[in-house]
Amino acid sequence: MNDAERAALRGRTRLDDALYDELVAWARTHYRETLHPEELGDPALLTESRDALEALSRILQLGSIYPFQR
């Protein structure tokens, strides 16, 4: 990647030690160990998933990129 390409990147998308640590913490917080078929219809799962994506887009400093964020 050249300087111009790096400058064109938006958000916090280059992995460094600090970002790695934050992403690991995010995954530990938001990833379930298991997901059972009957849970797929639970509206709380949608809320949980959106909360996880909101937190991830904040960590990566991408702004509102998903329709539900608008």
Protein backbone atom coordinates (compact mmCIF):
# COMPACT_ATOMS: atom_id res chain seq x y z
CA MET A 1 0.00 0.00 0.00
CA ASN A 2 1.45 3.37 -0.98
CA ASP A 3 1.11 6.66 0.90
CA ALA A 4 -1.87 7.82 -1.18
CA GLU A 5 -3.72 4.55 -0.59
CA ARG A 6 -3.05 4.73 3.15
CA ALA A 7 -4.26 8.33 3.24
CA ALA A 8 -7.48 7.29 1.45
CA LEU A 9 -8.41 4.81 4.17
CA ARG A 10 -11.13 6.03 6.44
CA GLY A 11 -11.63 5.02 10.01
CA ARG A 12 -9.34 2.98 12.13
CA THR A 13 -8.68 0.08 9.81
CA ARG A 14 -4.96 -0.56 10.15
CA LEU A 15 -4.32 -3.22 12.73
CA ASP A 16 -1.93 -2.35 15.53
CA ASP A 17 -1.53 -3.76 19.04
CA ALA A 18 -4.07 -1.37 20.58
CA LEU A 19 -6.72 -2.09 17.94
CA TYR A 20 -6.07 -5.80 18.24
CA ASP A 21 -6.66 -5.66 22.00
CA GLU A 22 -9.90 -3.71 21.51
CA LEU A 23 -11.14 -6.17 18.89
CA VAL A 24 -10.37 -9.14 21.12
CA ALA A 25 -12.28 -7.47 23.98
CA TRP A 26 -15.17 -6.71 21.58
CA ALA A 27 -15.31 -10.35 20.46
CA ARG A 28 -15.26 -11.61 24.04
CA THR A 29 -18.11 -9.27 24.89
CA HIS A 30 -20.32 -9.81 21.86
CA TYR A 31 -19.72 -13.33 20.54
CA ARG A 32 -21.83 -16.11 21.99
CA GLU A 33 -20.30 -19.48 22.69
CA THR A 34 -23.43 -21.14 21.32
CA LEU A 35 -26.51 -20.16 19.37
CA HIS A 36 -29.47 -22.52 19.33
CA PRO A 37 -31.97 -22.63 16.46
CA GLU A 38 -34.85 -21.54 18.70
CA GLU A 39 -32.92 -18.35 19.57
CA LEU A 40 -32.92 -17.20 15.95
CA GLY A 41 -36.51 -15.99 16.25
CA ASP A 42 -35.90 -14.04 19.44
CA PRO A 43 -36.11 -10.26 18.82
CA ALA A 44 -33.47 -9.80 21.52
CA LEU A 45 -30.94 -11.48 19.22
CA LEU A 46 -31.48 -8.73 16.64
CA THR A 47 -30.94 -6.07 19.29
CA GLU A 48 -27.85 -7.88 20.55
CA SER A 49 -26.44 -8.13 17.01
CA ARG A 50 -27.09 -4.47 16.28
CA ASP A 51 -25.47 -3.45 19.56
CA ALA A 52 -22.40 -5.49 18.61
CA LEU A 53 -22.19 -3.89 15.16
CA GLU A 54 -22.65 -0.43 16.66
CA ALA A 55 -19.79 -1.07 19.08
CA LEU A 56 -17.60 -2.41 16.27
CA SER A 57 -18.21 0.57 14.02
CA ARG A 58 -17.32 2.86 16.96
CA ILE A 59 -14.06 0.97 17.58
CA LEU A 60 -13.18 1.18 13.89
CA GLN A 61 -14.32 4.83 13.73
CA LEU A 62 -16.41 4.17 10.63
CA GLY A 63 -19.46 6.19 11.57
CA SER A 64 -22.95 4.99 10.66
CA ILE A 65 -22.47 2.40 7.94
CA TYR A 66 -25.45 0.13 8.59
CA PRO A 67 -29.04 1.13 7.71
CA PHE A 68 -30.21 0.61 11.30
CA GLN A 69 -27.70 3.23 12.47
CA ARG A 70 -29.31 6.00 10.43
